[in-house]
N, C-alpha and C. Protein backbone atom coordinates (compact mmCIF):
# COMPACT_ATOMS: atom_id res chain seq x y z
N UNK A 1 7.33 -24.49 49.77
CA UNK A 1 6.05 -23.80 49.28
C UNK A 1 4.70 -24.78 49.90
N UNK A 2 3.72 -24.05 50.43
CA UNK A 2 2.52 -24.51 50.63
C UNK A 2 2.01 -25.15 49.00
N UNK A 3 1.04 -25.95 49.36
CA UNK A 3 0.18 -26.38 48.23
C UNK A 3 -0.77 -25.44 47.69
N UNK A 4 -1.21 -24.82 48.34
CA UNK A 4 -2.05 -23.81 48.13
C UNK A 4 -1.53 -22.56 47.26
N UNK A 5 -0.21 -21.96 47.54
CA UNK A 5 0.36 -21.40 46.79
C UNK A 5 0.89 -21.77 45.48
N UNK A 6 1.54 -23.00 45.24
CA UNK A 6 1.57 -23.59 44.15
C UNK A 6 0.19 -23.75 43.17
N UNK A 7 -0.55 -23.86 43.57
CA UNK A 7 -1.97 -24.29 42.82
C UNK A 7 -2.24 -22.77 42.21
N UNK A 8 -2.07 -21.74 42.99
CA UNK A 8 -2.36 -20.31 42.46
C UNK A 8 -1.48 -19.84 41.39
N UNK A 9 -0.22 -20.38 41.59
CA UNK A 9 0.93 -20.20 40.64
C UNK A 9 0.68 -20.96 39.17
N UNK A 10 0.26 -22.30 39.65
CA UNK A 10 -0.25 -23.03 38.21
C UNK A 10 -1.48 -22.29 37.70
N UNK A 11 -2.22 -21.96 38.43
CA UNK A 11 -3.62 -21.22 37.90
C UNK A 11 -3.36 -20.03 37.03
N UNK A 12 -2.29 -19.12 37.86
CA UNK A 12 -1.86 -17.83 36.87
C UNK A 12 -1.13 -18.08 35.70
N UNK A 13 -0.24 -19.23 35.86
CA UNK A 13 0.41 -19.48 34.64
C UNK A 13 -0.49 -20.22 33.53
N UNK A 14 -1.61 -20.90 33.79
CA UNK A 14 -2.24 -21.43 32.76
C UNK A 14 -3.47 -20.30 32.36
N UNK A 15 -3.75 -19.63 33.24
CA UNK A 15 -4.47 -18.23 32.78
C UNK A 15 -3.84 -17.45 31.74
N UNK A 16 -2.78 -17.07 32.15
CA UNK A 16 -1.93 -16.10 31.33
C UNK A 16 -1.44 -16.98 29.70
N UNK A 17 -0.97 -18.08 29.81
CA UNK A 17 -1.02 -19.07 28.64
C UNK A 17 -2.15 -19.05 27.61
N UNK A 18 -3.63 -19.37 28.38
CA UNK A 18 -4.65 -19.47 27.71
C UNK A 18 -4.93 -18.07 26.81
N UNK A 19 -4.71 -16.77 27.98
CA UNK A 19 -5.24 -15.56 27.19
C UNK A 19 -4.43 -15.15 26.33
N UNK A 20 -2.79 -15.82 26.50
CA UNK A 20 -2.14 -15.05 25.57
C UNK A 20 -2.40 -15.83 23.98
N UNK A 21 -2.59 -17.03 24.10
CA UNK A 21 -2.71 -18.00 22.85
C UNK A 21 -4.28 -17.51 22.36
N UNK A 22 -5.08 -16.98 23.26
CA UNK A 22 -6.40 -16.66 22.64
C UNK A 22 -6.29 -15.19 21.75
N UNK A 23 -5.38 -14.44 22.51
CA UNK A 23 -5.27 -13.28 21.61
C UNK A 23 -4.43 -13.36 20.75
N UNK A 24 -3.47 -13.76 20.65
CA UNK A 24 -2.92 -14.19 19.22
C UNK A 24 -3.67 -14.88 17.99
N UNK A 25 -4.55 -15.72 18.53
CA UNK A 25 -5.19 -16.71 17.66
C UNK A 25 -6.33 -15.54 17.23
N UNK A 26 -6.60 -14.46 17.64
CA UNK A 26 -8.13 -13.99 17.34
C UNK A 26 -7.35 -12.52 16.41
N UNK A 27 -5.98 -12.22 16.14
CA UNK A 27 -5.49 -11.30 15.11
C UNK A 27 -5.47 -11.64 13.95
N UNK A 28 -6.28 -10.87 13.01
CA UNK A 28 -6.41 -10.81 11.80
C UNK A 28 -5.60 -10.08 11.07
N UNK A 29 -4.93 -10.19 10.26
CA UNK A 29 -3.92 -9.18 9.44
C UNK A 29 -4.78 -8.50 8.49
N UNK A 30 -5.99 -9.41 7.86
CA UNK A 30 -6.38 -8.64 6.70
C UNK A 30 -7.02 -9.59 5.53
N UNK A 31 -7.90 -8.96 4.63
CA UNK A 31 -7.96 -10.04 3.20
C UNK A 31 -6.37 -9.56 2.73
N UNK A 32 -6.48 -10.72 1.74
CA UNK A 32 -5.41 -10.74 0.85
C UNK A 32 -5.42 -9.33 -0.07
N UNK A 33 -4.26 -8.82 0.21
CA UNK A 33 -3.77 -7.36 -0.91
C UNK A 33 -3.87 -7.84 -2.27
N UNK A 34 -4.59 -7.01 -3.13
CA UNK A 34 -4.41 -7.19 -4.56
C UNK A 34 -4.29 -5.66 -5.13
N UNK A 35 -3.06 -5.51 -5.68
CA UNK A 35 -2.60 -4.37 -6.34
C UNK A 35 -3.72 -3.96 -7.19
N UNK A 36 -3.89 -2.56 -6.82
CA UNK A 36 -4.92 -1.67 -7.93
C UNK A 36 -4.44 -1.76 -9.26
N UNK A 37 -5.08 -1.57 -10.24
CA UNK A 37 -4.74 -1.70 -11.63
C UNK A 37 -4.68 0.01 -11.74
N UNK A 38 -3.50 0.43 -12.33
CA UNK A 38 -3.23 1.76 -12.98
C UNK A 38 -3.02 1.92 -14.43
N UNK A 39 -3.37 2.63 -15.04
CA UNK A 39 -3.26 2.86 -16.53
C UNK A 39 -1.80 3.21 -16.48
N UNK A 40 -0.92 2.47 -17.50
CA UNK A 40 0.70 3.06 -17.85
C UNK A 40 0.67 4.00 -19.31
N UNK A 41 1.17 5.13 -19.22
CA UNK A 41 1.30 6.05 -20.46
C UNK A 41 2.32 5.08 -21.28
N UNK A 42 1.92 5.08 -22.72
CA UNK A 42 3.05 4.37 -23.48
C UNK A 42 4.25 5.90 -23.69
N UNK A 43 3.84 7.20 -23.56
CA UNK A 43 4.99 8.02 -23.59
C UNK A 43 4.48 8.99 -22.81
N UNK A 44 5.44 10.03 -22.45
CA UNK A 44 4.82 11.35 -21.31
C UNK A 44 4.38 12.02 -22.68
N UNK A 45 3.45 13.19 -22.22
CA UNK A 45 2.77 13.92 -23.22
C UNK A 45 3.57 15.43 -23.14
N UNK A 46 4.85 15.57 -22.12
CA UNK A 46 5.46 16.72 -22.14
C UNK A 46 6.62 16.86 -23.39
N UNK A 47 7.02 17.83 -23.78
CA UNK A 47 7.99 17.31 -24.66
C UNK A 47 9.06 17.96 -23.99
N UNK A 48 10.40 17.48 -24.38
CA UNK A 48 11.56 17.71 -23.89
C UNK A 48 11.64 19.28 -23.78
N UNK A 49 12.34 19.89 -22.91
CA UNK A 49 12.85 21.30 -22.78
C UNK A 49 13.96 21.26 -23.88
N UNK A 50 14.11 22.70 -24.14
CA UNK A 50 15.20 23.29 -25.12
C UNK A 50 16.38 22.77 -24.46
N UNK A 51 17.35 22.19 -25.35
CA UNK A 51 18.80 21.50 -24.81
C UNK A 51 18.70 20.39 -24.57
N UNK A 52 17.33 19.74 -23.93
CA UNK A 52 17.65 18.24 -23.41
C UNK A 52 17.52 17.39 -24.64
N UNK A 53 17.82 16.19 -23.99
CA UNK A 53 18.00 14.73 -25.23
C UNK A 53 17.60 13.71 -24.39
N UNK A 54 16.85 12.62 -25.07
CA UNK A 54 16.83 11.59 -24.59
C UNK A 54 17.80 10.79 -24.18
N UNK A 55 17.73 10.15 -23.16
CA UNK A 55 19.00 9.36 -22.56
C UNK A 55 19.36 7.97 -23.41
N UNK A 56 20.66 7.76 -23.87
CA UNK A 56 21.05 6.63 -24.68
C UNK A 56 22.01 5.79 -24.11
N UNK A 57 21.56 4.88 -23.21
CA UNK A 57 22.53 4.04 -22.64
C UNK A 57 23.90 3.62 -23.73
N UNK A 58 25.00 3.63 -23.07
CA UNK A 58 25.88 2.89 -23.69
C UNK A 58 26.67 1.65 -23.23
N UNK A 59 26.12 1.01 -22.81
CA UNK A 59 26.63 -0.38 -21.95
C UNK A 59 27.80 -1.09 -22.73
N UNK A 60 28.01 -0.78 -23.76
CA UNK A 60 29.15 -1.57 -24.49
C UNK A 60 30.51 -0.93 -24.08
N UNK A 61 30.61 0.24 -23.67
CA UNK A 61 31.84 0.95 -23.12
C UNK A 61 32.33 0.23 -21.58
N UNK A 62 33.67 -0.09 -21.76
CA UNK A 62 34.64 -0.90 -20.88
C UNK A 62 34.27 0.32 -19.51
N UNK A 63 34.21 -0.12 -18.51
CA UNK A 63 34.00 0.91 -17.30
C UNK A 63 35.09 0.33 -16.13
N UNK A 64 36.11 -0.38 -16.50
CA UNK A 64 37.16 -1.15 -15.86
C UNK A 64 37.96 0.43 -14.85
N UNK A 65 38.40 1.07 -15.94
CA UNK A 65 39.08 2.29 -15.46
C UNK A 65 38.66 3.63 -15.66
N UNK A 66 37.12 3.98 -14.67
CA UNK A 66 36.58 5.04 -14.99
C UNK A 66 37.15 6.16 -14.71
N UNK A 67 38.06 6.26 -13.69
CA UNK A 67 38.64 7.54 -13.17
C UNK A 67 39.77 8.13 -14.08
N UNK A 68 40.20 7.39 -15.22
CA UNK A 68 40.87 8.16 -15.98
C UNK A 68 40.52 8.98 -16.96
N UNK A 69 39.15 9.01 -17.02
CA UNK A 69 38.36 10.06 -17.68
C UNK A 69 38.92 11.48 -17.01
N UNK A 70 39.38 11.71 -15.82
CA UNK A 70 39.95 12.92 -15.52
C UNK A 70 41.10 13.27 -15.52
N UNK A 71 41.72 12.26 -16.10
CA UNK A 71 43.33 12.82 -16.42
C UNK A 71 43.82 13.46 -15.19
N UNK A 72 43.70 12.88 -13.75
CA UNK A 72 44.52 13.11 -12.75
C UNK A 72 45.33 11.93 -12.17
N UNK A 73 46.55 12.59 -12.17
CA UNK A 73 47.90 11.34 -12.01
C UNK A 73 47.70 11.19 -10.16
N UNK A 74 47.29 12.17 -9.59
CA UNK A 74 46.86 11.65 -8.17
C UNK A 74 45.87 10.77 -8.09
N UNK A 75 45.02 10.81 -8.76
CA UNK A 75 43.77 9.92 -8.67
C UNK A 75 43.98 8.59 -9.06
N UNK A 76 44.91 8.56 -10.18
CA UNK A 76 45.40 7.01 -10.46
C UNK A 76 46.13 6.43 -9.81
N UNK A 77 47.00 7.23 -8.95
CA UNK A 77 47.95 6.60 -8.04
C UNK A 77 47.36 6.02 -6.76
N UNK A 78 45.94 6.82 -6.47
CA UNK A 78 45.15 6.32 -5.21
C UNK A 78 44.36 5.09 -5.55
N UNK A 79 43.87 5.18 -7.09
CA UNK A 79 43.02 3.92 -7.46
C UNK A 79 44.16 2.53 -7.45
N UNK A 80 45.60 2.75 -7.83
CA UNK A 80 46.02 1.67 -8.08
C UNK A 80 46.47 1.30 -6.57
N UNK A 81 46.68 1.96 -5.31
CA UNK A 81 47.16 1.68 -4.08
C UNK A 81 45.73 1.14 -3.60
N UNK A 82 44.49 1.50 -3.77
CA UNK A 82 43.44 0.77 -3.31
C UNK A 82 43.24 -0.48 -4.13
N UNK A 83 43.40 -0.84 -5.09
CA UNK A 83 43.51 -1.83 -5.83
C UNK A 83 44.33 -3.22 -5.17
N UNK A 84 45.51 -2.65 -4.76
CA UNK A 84 46.44 -3.48 -4.51
C UNK A 84 45.84 -3.76 -2.69
N UNK A 85 45.68 -2.58 -1.92
CA UNK A 85 45.56 -3.01 -0.51
C UNK A 85 44.41 -3.36 -0.07
N UNK A 86 43.19 -3.45 -0.99
CA UNK A 86 41.70 -3.95 -0.50
C UNK A 86 41.50 -5.15 -0.44
N UNK A 87 41.69 -5.91 0.56
CA UNK A 87 41.73 -7.17 0.55
C UNK A 87 39.92 -8.09 0.47
N UNK A 88 39.29 -6.94 0.74
CA UNK A 88 37.86 -7.09 0.34
C UNK A 88 37.42 -7.29 -1.08
N UNK A 89 37.93 -6.21 -1.59
CA UNK A 89 37.58 -6.27 -3.13
C UNK A 89 38.38 -7.69 -3.67
N UNK A 90 39.52 -7.83 -3.05
CA UNK A 90 40.17 -8.75 -4.01
C UNK A 90 39.49 -10.17 -3.53
N UNK A 91 38.85 -10.37 -2.26
CA UNK A 91 38.07 -11.76 -1.87
C UNK A 91 36.93 -11.59 -2.82
N UNK A 92 36.39 -10.39 -2.56
CA UNK A 92 34.85 -10.70 -3.60
C UNK A 92 35.01 -10.79 -5.17
N UNK A 93 36.38 -10.38 -5.62
CA UNK A 93 36.46 -10.72 -7.41
C UNK A 93 36.94 -12.30 -7.20
N UNK A 94 37.60 -12.74 -6.19
CA UNK A 94 38.07 -14.50 -5.95
C UNK A 94 36.69 -15.14 -6.09
N UNK A 95 35.53 -14.36 -5.19
CA UNK A 95 34.21 -15.40 -5.28
C UNK A 95 33.39 -15.10 -6.41
N UNK A 96 33.65 -13.96 -7.29
CA UNK A 96 32.85 -13.76 -8.33
C UNK A 96 33.15 -14.65 -9.44
N UNK A 97 34.71 -14.79 -9.44
CA UNK A 97 35.25 -15.52 -10.90
C UNK A 97 34.74 -16.85 -10.77
């Protein structure tokens, strides 16, 4: 290549680099975000409709065999097959223990 073409390519490269850097450095995301304060109600002003009840969590109940609630022998067999054949669950249980 001639020396002139090489100089023009270097000049174009330098111009591209300088303009890219100046464009990127001139970007401003904005001021630091501050979450607006919102009042929180201590309770709801509406009353519960007829027949509804407040939720009462029952975290003490054992949840290991939840499907047995349905009393379905086919579902029980399928769950046993999954427990035996699912290597991902077995590996996750080994990592968790």
